[in-house]
Amino acid sequence: MNALLRVTGLDKTFTLHLQGGRTIPVFHQAGFAVRAGECVVLAGASGVGKSTLLRLVYGNYKAAAGEVWVRHRDAEVDLVTADPRTVFAVRRETMGYVSQFLRCLPRVPAVDVVAEPLLALGVARDEARVRARVLLQRLRIPSSHLDLAPATFSGGEQQRVNIARGFAHPYPLLLLDEPTASLDAANRATVVELIQEAKARGAALLGIFHDADVRDRVADRFVDVEAMRAAA
């Protein structure tokens, strides 16, 4: 099957500039691939670096060495060496990311927060808002909340807005960092459905799931993050 994401030879070291430049090695020669139609789960104990690895793939952290190859517009792009404009294009069109916490502009209604990725791709505003409303209601956000800013929501409601935003556009590649951590059983089941639907349409998913039931229901393969840790 076609790999939509290939990570090869990835190294990462953090430098503590306020502690005399002390360095902390994190990863050495990390590598794995994610193919179309599968969900690969980053596995390991808390604190081993799963979220760090996800941020390296997304480009929020800069790798010291190695490549992060993403299939974008029928070609492979290395996000480690790509220019910022290319990275933004990959994020806009190809690679979505559901982080642990919702980050959005204040006072923007929830429906517009979710519609924003669609608007960025040229979808008409009315259509984008309809699609956003459908997703939000599927995730049990009350209709009365859709035109309110998520800052007024509970933590679980904010995370559901975050998930809806991540699934609004059918990204070929989707990164998921603990998407069900703040959710009740009914909404966890809905997220599992969204993941299964994404896999069925051929998306590649890379995720972190501490909920064992959710993890077992969506995982096709596991990547042992501990095995890629750099020696201290």
C-alpha atoms as a PDB file:
ATOM      1  CA  MET A   1       0.000   0.000   0.000  1.00  0.00           C
ATOM      2  CA  ASN A   2       1.058   3.588  -0.618  1.00  0.00           C
ATOM      3  CA  ALA A   3       2.873   5.355   2.251  1.00  0.00           C
ATOM      4  CA  LEU A   4       1.460   8.836   2.785  1.00  0.00           C
ATOM      5  CA  LEU A   5       3.984   9.526   5.554  1.00  0.00           C
ATOM      6  CA  ARG A   6       7.593   8.318   5.826  1.00  0.00           C
ATOM      7  CA  VAL A   7       9.823   9.308   8.721  1.00  0.00           C
ATOM      8  CA  THR A   8      13.490   8.365   8.284  1.00  0.00           C
ATOM      9  CA  GLY A   9      16.590   8.898  10.423  1.00  0.00           C
ATOM     10  CA  LEU A  10      14.964  11.543  12.610  1.00  0.00           C
ATOM     11  CA  ASP A  11      17.110  13.083  15.369  1.00  0.00           C
ATOM     12  CA  LYS A  12      15.985  15.614  17.967  1.00  0.00           C
ATOM     13  CA  THR A  13      17.848  17.312  20.809  1.00  0.00           C
ATOM     14  CA  PHE A  14      16.490  20.062  23.033  1.00  0.00           C
ATOM     15  CA  THR A  15      18.856  22.837  24.143  1.00  0.00           C
ATOM     16  CA  LEU A  16      18.212  24.476  27.518  1.00  0.00           C
ATOM     17  CA  HIS A  17      19.476  27.994  26.882  1.00  0.00           C
ATOM     18  CA  LEU A  18      18.683  29.162  30.421  1.00  0.00           C
ATOM     19  CA  GLN A  19      20.771  26.332  31.861  1.00  0.00           C
ATOM     20  CA  GLY A  20      24.065  27.071  30.188  1.00  0.00           C
ATOM     21  CA  GLY A  21      23.133  25.472  26.893  1.00  0.00           C
ATOM     22  CA  ARG A  22      22.707  21.995  28.367  1.00  0.00           C
ATOM     23  CA  THR A  23      21.318  19.569  25.798  1.00  0.00           C
ATOM     24  CA  ILE A  24      18.784  16.772  26.205  1.00  0.00           C
ATOM     25  CA  PRO A  25      18.879  14.095  23.488  1.00  0.00           C
ATOM     26  CA  VAL A  26      15.359  12.934  22.659  1.00  0.00           C
ATOM     27  CA  PHE A  27      15.307  10.844  19.466  1.00  0.00           C
ATOM     28  CA  HIS A  28      17.976   9.147  17.409  1.00  0.00           C
ATOM     29  CA  GLN A  29      17.340   7.639  13.983  1.00  0.00           C
ATOM     30  CA  ALA A  30      13.583   7.523  14.500  1.00  0.00           C
ATOM     31  CA  GLY A  31      11.751   6.023  11.568  1.00  0.00           C
ATOM     32  CA  PHE A  32       8.386   4.585  10.546  1.00  0.00           C
ATOM     33  CA  ALA A  33       5.757   4.877   7.808  1.00  0.00           C
ATOM     34  CA  VAL A  34       1.986   5.276   7.674  1.00  0.00           C
ATOM     35  CA  ARG A  35       0.084   3.935   4.696  1.00  0.00           C
ATOM     36  CA  ALA A  36      -3.230   4.894   3.176  1.00  0.00           C
ATOM     37  CA  GLY A  37      -6.188   3.404   5.015  1.00  0.00           C
ATOM     38  CA  GLU A  38      -4.467   2.617   8.301  1.00  0.00           C
ATOM     39  CA  CYS A  39      -4.135   4.099  11.768  1.00  0.00           C
ATOM     40  CA  VAL A  40      -0.685   3.799  13.313  1.00  0.00           C
ATOM     41  CA  VAL A  41      -0.532   4.364  17.067  1.00  0.00           C
ATOM     42  CA  LEU A  42       2.497   5.808  18.850  1.00  0.00           C
ATOM     43  CA  ALA A  43       2.943   3.566  21.888  1.00  0.00           C
ATOM     44  CA  GLY A  44       4.933   4.003  25.067  1.00  0.00           C
ATOM     45  CA  ALA A  45       4.785   5.129  28.668  1.00  0.00           C
ATOM     46  CA  SER A  46       3.802   8.650  29.641  1.00  0.00           C
ATOM     47  CA  GLY A  47       6.717  11.039  29.134  1.00  0.00           C
ATOM     48  CA  VAL A  48       8.499   8.903  26.559  1.00  0.00           C
ATOM     49  CA  GLY A  49       8.049  11.544  23.848  1.00  0.00           C
ATOM     50  CA  LYS A  50       4.962  10.560  21.879  1.00  0.00           C
ATOM     51  CA  SER A  51       3.595  14.100  21.605  1.00  0.00           C
ATOM     52  CA  THR A  52       7.080  15.405  20.824  1.00  0.00           C
ATOM     53  CA  LEU A  53       7.336  12.960  17.934  1.00  0.00           C
ATOM     54  CA  LEU A  54       3.928  14.029  16.653  1.00  0.00           C
ATOM     55  CA  ARG A  55       5.005  17.683  16.779  1.00  0.00           C
ATOM     56  CA  LEU A  56       8.194  16.817  14.900  1.00  0.00           C
ATOM     57  CA  VAL A  57       6.111  15.240  12.152  1.00  0.00           C
ATOM     58  CA  TYR A  58       3.842  18.286  11.975  1.00  0.00           C
ATOM     59  CA  GLY A  59       6.806  20.644  11.982  1.00  0.00           C
ATOM     60  CA  ASN A  60       6.126  22.446  15.259  1.00  0.00           C
ATOM     61  CA  TYR A  61       9.550  21.206  16.391  1.00  0.00           C
ATOM     62  CA  LYS A  62      12.596  21.304  14.134  1.00  0.00           C
ATOM     63  CA  ALA A  63      14.464  18.034  13.680  1.00  0.00           C
ATOM     64  CA  ALA A  64      18.270  18.086  13.934  1.00  0.00           C
ATOM     65  CA  ALA A  65      18.570  15.461  11.210  1.00  0.00           C
ATOM     66  CA  GLY A  66      16.460  13.099   9.152  1.00  0.00           C
ATOM     67  CA  GLU A  67      13.426  13.473   6.910  1.00  0.00           C
ATOM     68  CA  VAL A  68       9.649  13.672   7.261  1.00  0.00           C
ATOM     69  CA  TRP A  69       8.263  12.788   3.843  1.00  0.00           C
ATOM     70  CA  VAL A  70       4.599  13.585   3.184  1.00  0.00           C
ATOM     71  CA  ARG A  71       2.822  12.762  -0.066  1.00  0.00           C
ATOM     72  CA  HIS A  72       1.441  16.095  -1.234  1.00  0.00           C
ATOM     73  CA  ARG A  73       0.026  16.957  -4.672  1.00  0.00           C
ATOM     74  CA  ASP A  74       1.246  13.623  -6.128  1.00  0.00           C
ATOM     75  CA  ALA A  75       4.812  14.179  -4.943  1.00  0.00           C
ATOM     76  CA  GLU A  76       6.774  13.652  -1.737  1.00  0.00           C
ATOM     77  CA  VAL A  77       7.737  16.710   0.317  1.00  0.00           C
ATOM     78  CA  ASP A  78      10.342  16.626   3.102  1.00  0.00           C
ATOM     79  CA  LEU A  79       8.932  18.870   5.814  1.00  0.00           C
ATOM     80  CA  VAL A  80      12.307  19.085   7.576  1.00  0.00           C
ATOM     81  CA  THR A  81      13.875  20.997   4.678  1.00  0.00           C
ATOM     82  CA  ALA A  82      10.790  22.505   3.011  1.00  0.00           C
ATOM     83  CA  ASP A  83      10.335  26.276   2.979  1.00  0.00           C
ATOM     84  CA  PRO A  84       7.570  27.742   5.198  1.00  0.00           C
ATOM     85  CA  ARG A  85       5.208  28.353   2.278  1.00  0.00           C
ATOM     86  CA  THR A  86       5.351  24.683   1.311  1.00  0.00           C
ATOM     87  CA  VAL A  87       4.852  23.568   4.914  1.00  0.00           C
ATOM     88  CA  PHE A  88       1.758  25.775   5.195  1.00  0.00           C
ATOM     89  CA  ALA A  89       0.408  24.378   1.917  1.00  0.00           C
ATOM     90  CA  VAL A  90       0.874  20.814   3.188  1.00  0.00           C
ATOM     91  CA  ARG A  91      -0.954  21.694   6.399  1.00  0.00           C
ATOM     92  CA  ARG A  92      -3.754  23.440   4.536  1.00  0.00           C
ATOM     93  CA  GLU A  93      -4.398  20.700   1.969  1.00  0.00           C
ATOM     94  CA  THR A  94      -2.856  17.421   3.064  1.00  0.00           C
ATOM     95  CA  MET A  95      -2.011  17.061   6.755  1.00  0.00           C
ATOM     96  CA  GLY A  96      -4.456  17.837   9.545  1.00  0.00           C
ATOM     97  CA  TYR A  97      -3.642  17.899  13.246  1.00  0.00           C
ATOM     98  CA  VAL A  98      -5.923  17.476  16.260  1.00  0.00           C
ATOM     99  CA  SER A  99      -3.887  18.707  19.224  1.00  0.00           C
ATOM    100  CA  GLN A 100      -4.682  18.151  22.890  1.00  0.00           C
ATOM    101  CA  PHE A 101      -6.094  21.653  23.278  1.00  0.00           C
ATOM    102  CA  LEU A 102      -8.186  23.918  21.065  1.00  0.00           C
ATOM    103  CA  ARG A 103      -6.340  27.006  19.858  1.00  0.00           C
ATOM    104  CA  CYS A 104      -8.418  29.611  18.061  1.00  0.00           C
ATOM    105  CA  LEU A 105      -9.053  33.326  17.893  1.00  0.00           C
ATOM    106  CA  PRO A 106     -11.210  34.679  20.741  1.00  0.00           C
ATOM    107  CA  ARG A 107     -14.828  35.619  20.087  1.00  0.00           C
ATOM    108  CA  VAL A 108     -15.006  33.557  16.876  1.00  0.00           C
ATOM    109  CA  PRO A 109     -18.150  31.346  16.880  1.00  0.00           C
ATOM    110  CA  ALA A 110     -17.603  27.597  17.105  1.00  0.00           C
ATOM    111  CA  VAL A 111     -19.175  27.001  13.691  1.00  0.00           C
ATOM    112  CA  ASP A 112     -16.667  29.395  12.086  1.00  0.00           C
ATOM    113  CA  VAL A 113     -13.739  27.832  13.945  1.00  0.00           C
ATOM    114  CA  VAL A 114     -14.657  24.483  12.387  1.00  0.00           C
ATOM    115  CA  ALA A 115     -15.408  25.975   8.959  1.00  0.00           C
ATOM    116  CA  GLU A 116     -12.078  27.837   8.729  1.00  0.00           C
ATOM    117  CA  PRO A 117     -10.042  24.975   7.158  1.00  0.00           C
ATOM    118  CA  LEU A 118     -12.708  24.633   4.466  1.00  0.00           C
ATOM    119  CA  LEU A 119     -12.775  28.363   3.755  1.00  0.00           C
ATOM    120  CA  ALA A 120      -8.988  28.299   3.384  1.00  0.00           C
ATOM    121  CA  LEU A 121      -9.447  25.762   0.582  1.00  0.00           C
ATOM    122  CA  GLY A 122     -11.990  27.888  -1.260  1.00  0.00           C
ATOM    123  CA  VAL A 123     -15.195  26.219  -0.089  1.00  0.00           C
ATOM    124  CA  ALA A 124     -18.130  28.649  -0.185  1.00  0.00           C
ATOM    125  CA  ARG A 125     -18.897  30.122   3.220  1.00  0.00           C
ATOM    126  CA  ASP A 126     -22.480  28.813   3.389  1.00  0.00           C
ATOM    127  CA  GLU A 127     -21.412  25.285   2.444  1.00  0.00           C
ATOM    128  CA  ALA A 128     -18.494  25.354   4.879  1.00  0.00           C
ATOM    129  CA  ARG A 129     -20.753  26.437   7.730  1.00  0.00           C
ATOM    130  CA  VAL A 130     -23.317  23.740   6.913  1.00  0.00           C
ATOM    131  CA  ARG A 131     -20.613  21.062   6.975  1.00  0.00           C
ATOM    132  CA  ALA A 132     -19.261  22.488  10.218  1.00  0.00           C
ATOM    133  CA  ARG A 133     -22.709  22.432  11.846  1.00  0.00           C
ATOM    134  CA  VAL A 134     -23.249  18.805  10.841  1.00  0.00           C
ATOM    135  CA  LEU A 135     -19.959  17.748  12.426  1.00  0.00           C
ATOM    136  CA  LEU A 136     -20.512  19.752  15.590  1.00  0.00           C
ATOM    137  CA  GLN A 137     -24.000  18.346  16.047  1.00  0.00           C
ATOM    138  CA  ARG A 138     -22.692  14.848  15.399  1.00  0.00           C
ATOM    139  CA  LEU A 139     -20.283  15.459  18.282  1.00  0.00           C
ATOM    140  CA  ARG A 140     -23.221  16.568  20.435  1.00  0.00           C
ATOM    141  CA  ILE A 141     -22.492  20.270  20.611  1.00  0.00           C
ATOM    142  CA  PRO A 142     -25.932  21.822  21.279  1.00  0.00           C
ATOM    143  CA  SER A 143     -27.386  23.906  18.456  1.00  0.00           C
ATOM    144  CA  SER A 144     -27.616  26.821  20.877  1.00  0.00           C
ATOM    145  CA  HIS A 145     -23.806  26.766  21.241  1.00  0.00           C
ATOM    146  CA  LEU A 146     -22.822  26.801  17.572  1.00  0.00           C
ATOM    147  CA  ASP A 147     -22.765  30.576  17.241  1.00  0.00           C
ATOM    148  CA  LEU A 148     -20.968  31.093  20.552  1.00  0.00           C
ATOM    149  CA  ALA A 149     -17.209  31.365  21.035  1.00  0.00           C
ATOM    150  CA  PRO A 150     -15.617  28.110  22.300  1.00  0.00           C
ATOM    151  CA  ALA A 151     -13.917  30.057  25.111  1.00  0.00           C
ATOM    152  CA  THR A 152     -17.278  29.876  26.906  1.00  0.00           C
ATOM    153  CA  PHE A 153     -17.440  26.058  26.571  1.00  0.00           C
ATOM    154  CA  SER A 154     -16.396  23.296  28.952  1.00  0.00           C
ATOM    155  CA  GLY A 155     -13.108  21.488  28.354  1.00  0.00           C
ATOM    156  CA  GLY A 156     -14.870  18.526  26.778  1.00  0.00           C
ATOM    157  CA  GLU A 157     -16.911  20.768  24.494  1.00  0.00           C
ATOM    158  CA  GLN A 158     -13.795  22.626  23.399  1.00  0.00           C
ATOM    159  CA  GLN A 159     -12.111  19.355  22.536  1.00  0.00           C
ATOM    160  CA  ARG A 160     -15.111  18.315  20.449  1.00  0.00           C
ATOM    161  CA  VAL A 161     -14.842  21.592  18.522  1.00  0.00           C
ATOM    162  CA  ASN A 162     -11.149  20.793  18.060  1.00  0.00           C
ATOM    163  CA  ILE A 163     -11.986  17.338  16.700  1.00  0.00           C
ATOM    164  CA  ALA A 164     -14.658  18.702  14.366  1.00  0.00           C
ATOM    165  CA  ARG A 165     -12.157  21.208  13.003  1.00  0.00           C
ATOM    166  CA  GLY A 166      -9.640  18.428  12.373  1.00  0.00           C
ATOM    167  CA  PHE A 167     -12.155  16.273  10.510  1.00  0.00           C
ATOM    168  CA  ALA A 168     -13.911  19.085   8.604  1.00  0.00           C
ATOM    169  CA  HIS A 169     -11.659  18.680   5.571  1.00  0.00           C
ATOM    170  CA  PRO A 170     -10.950  15.110   4.386  1.00  0.00           C
ATOM    171  CA  TYR A 171      -7.189  15.344   4.910  1.00  0.00           C
ATOM    172  CA  PRO A 172      -5.202  12.507   3.330  1.00  0.00           C
ATOM    173  CA  LEU A 173      -3.016  12.478   6.476  1.00  0.00           C
ATOM    174  CA  LEU A 174      -4.283  13.210   9.984  1.00  0.00           C
ATOM    175  CA  LEU A 175      -2.326  13.468  13.245  1.00  0.00           C
ATOM    176  CA  LEU A 176      -4.258  12.871  16.472  1.00  0.00           C
ATOM    177  CA  ASP A 177      -2.875  13.748  19.916  1.00  0.00           C
ATOM    178  CA  GLU A 178      -5.145  12.241  22.572  1.00  0.00           C
ATOM    179  CA  PRO A 179      -8.384  13.205  20.795  1.00  0.00           C
ATOM    180  CA  THR A 180     -10.652  11.383  23.266  1.00  0.00           C
ATOM    181  CA  ALA A 181      -8.959  12.378  26.537  1.00  0.00           C
ATOM    182  CA  SER A 182     -11.751  14.714  27.727  1.00  0.00           C
ATOM    183  CA  LEU A 183     -14.731  12.898  26.230  1.00  0.00           C
ATOM    184  CA  ASP A 184     -17.536  10.762  27.591  1.00  0.00           C
ATOM    185  CA  ALA A 185     -18.327   7.302  26.237  1.00  0.00           C
ATOM    186  CA  ALA A 186     -20.833   8.471  23.619  1.00  0.00           C
ATOM    187  CA  ASN A 187     -18.473  11.031  22.130  1.00  0.00           C
ATOM    188  CA  ARG A 188     -15.526   8.628  22.271  1.00  0.00           C
ATOM    189  CA  ALA A 189     -17.618   6.259  20.164  1.00  0.00           C
ATOM    190  CA  THR A 190     -18.313   9.056  17.670  1.00  0.00           C
ATOM    191  CA  VAL A 191     -14.593   9.808  17.361  1.00  0.00           C
ATOM    192  CA  VAL A 192     -13.938   6.122  16.702  1.00  0.00           C
ATOM    193  CA  GLU A 193     -16.558   6.283  13.929  1.00  0.00           C
ATOM    194  CA  LEU A 194     -14.877   9.350  12.405  1.00  0.00           C
ATOM    195  CA  ILE A 195     -11.508   7.600  12.456  1.00  0.00           C
ATOM    196  CA  GLN A 196     -12.927   4.455  10.867  1.00  0.00           C
ATOM    197  CA  GLU A 197     -14.615   6.548   8.172  1.00  0.00           C
ATOM    198  CA  ALA A 198     -11.348   8.362   7.462  1.00  0.00           C
ATOM    199  CA  LYS A 199      -9.541   5.035   7.119  1.00  0.00           C
ATOM    200  CA  ALA A 200     -12.275   3.744   4.803  1.00  0.00           C
ATOM    201  CA  ARG A 201     -11.776   6.681   2.412  1.00  0.00           C
ATOM    202  CA  GLY A 202      -8.023   5.990   2.343  1.00  0.00           C
ATOM    203  CA  ALA A 203      -6.645   8.472   4.856  1.00  0.00           C
ATOM    204  CA  ALA A 204      -3.487   7.712   6.815  1.00  0.00           C
ATOM    205  CA  LEU A 205      -3.733   8.416  10.551  1.00  0.00           C
ATOM    206  CA  LEU A 206      -0.989   8.703  13.168  1.00  0.00           C
ATOM    207  CA  GLY A 207      -2.231   8.972  16.719  1.00  0.00           C
ATOM    208  CA  ILE A 208      -1.719   8.844  20.454  1.00  0.00           C
ATOM    209  CA  PHE A 209      -4.474   7.187  22.488  1.00  0.00           C
ATOM    210  CA  HIS A 210      -4.233   6.530  26.216  1.00  0.00           C
ATOM    211  CA  ASP A 211      -7.763   5.109  26.280  1.00  0.00           C
ATOM    212  CA  ALA A 212      -7.102   1.394  25.774  1.00  0.00           C
ATOM    213  CA  ASP A 213     -10.551   0.638  24.358  1.00  0.00           C
ATOM    214  CA  VAL A 214     -10.339   3.400  21.748  1.00  0.00           C
ATOM    215  CA  ARG A 215      -6.753   2.461  20.921  1.00  0.00           C
ATOM    216  CA  ASP A 216      -7.609  -1.186  20.350  1.00  0.00           C
ATOM    217  CA  ARG A 217     -10.601  -0.305  18.157  1.00  0.00           C
ATOM    218  CA  VAL A 218      -8.717   1.999  15.785  1.00  0.00           C
ATOM    219  CA  ALA A 219      -5.116   0.732  15.724  1.00  0.00           C
ATOM    220  CA  ASP A 220      -3.786  -1.219  12.767  1.00  0.00           C
ATOM    221  CA  ARG A 221      -0.151  -1.072  13.886  1.00  0.00           C
ATOM    222  CA  PHE A 222       1.898   0.247  16.791  1.00  0.00           C
ATOM    223  CA  VAL A 223       5.185   2.158  16.791  1.00  0.00           C
ATOM    224  CA  ASP A 224       7.337   1.689  19.903  1.00  0.00           C
ATOM    225  CA  VAL A 225       8.491   5.227  20.707  1.00  0.00           C
ATOM    226  CA  GLU A 226      10.813   4.032  23.484  1.00  0.00           C
ATOM    227  CA  ALA A 227      12.862   2.120  20.901  1.00  0.00           C
ATOM    228  CA  MET A 228      13.637   5.386  19.087  1.00  0.00           C
ATOM    229  CA  ARG A 229      14.795   7.321  22.135  1.00  0.00           C
ATOM    230  CA  ALA A 230      18.304   8.762  22.073  1.00  0.00           C
ATOM    231  CA  ALA A 231      20.769   7.693  24.764  1.00  0.00           C
ATOM    232  CA  ALA A 232      21.064  10.342  27.486  1.00  0.00           C
END
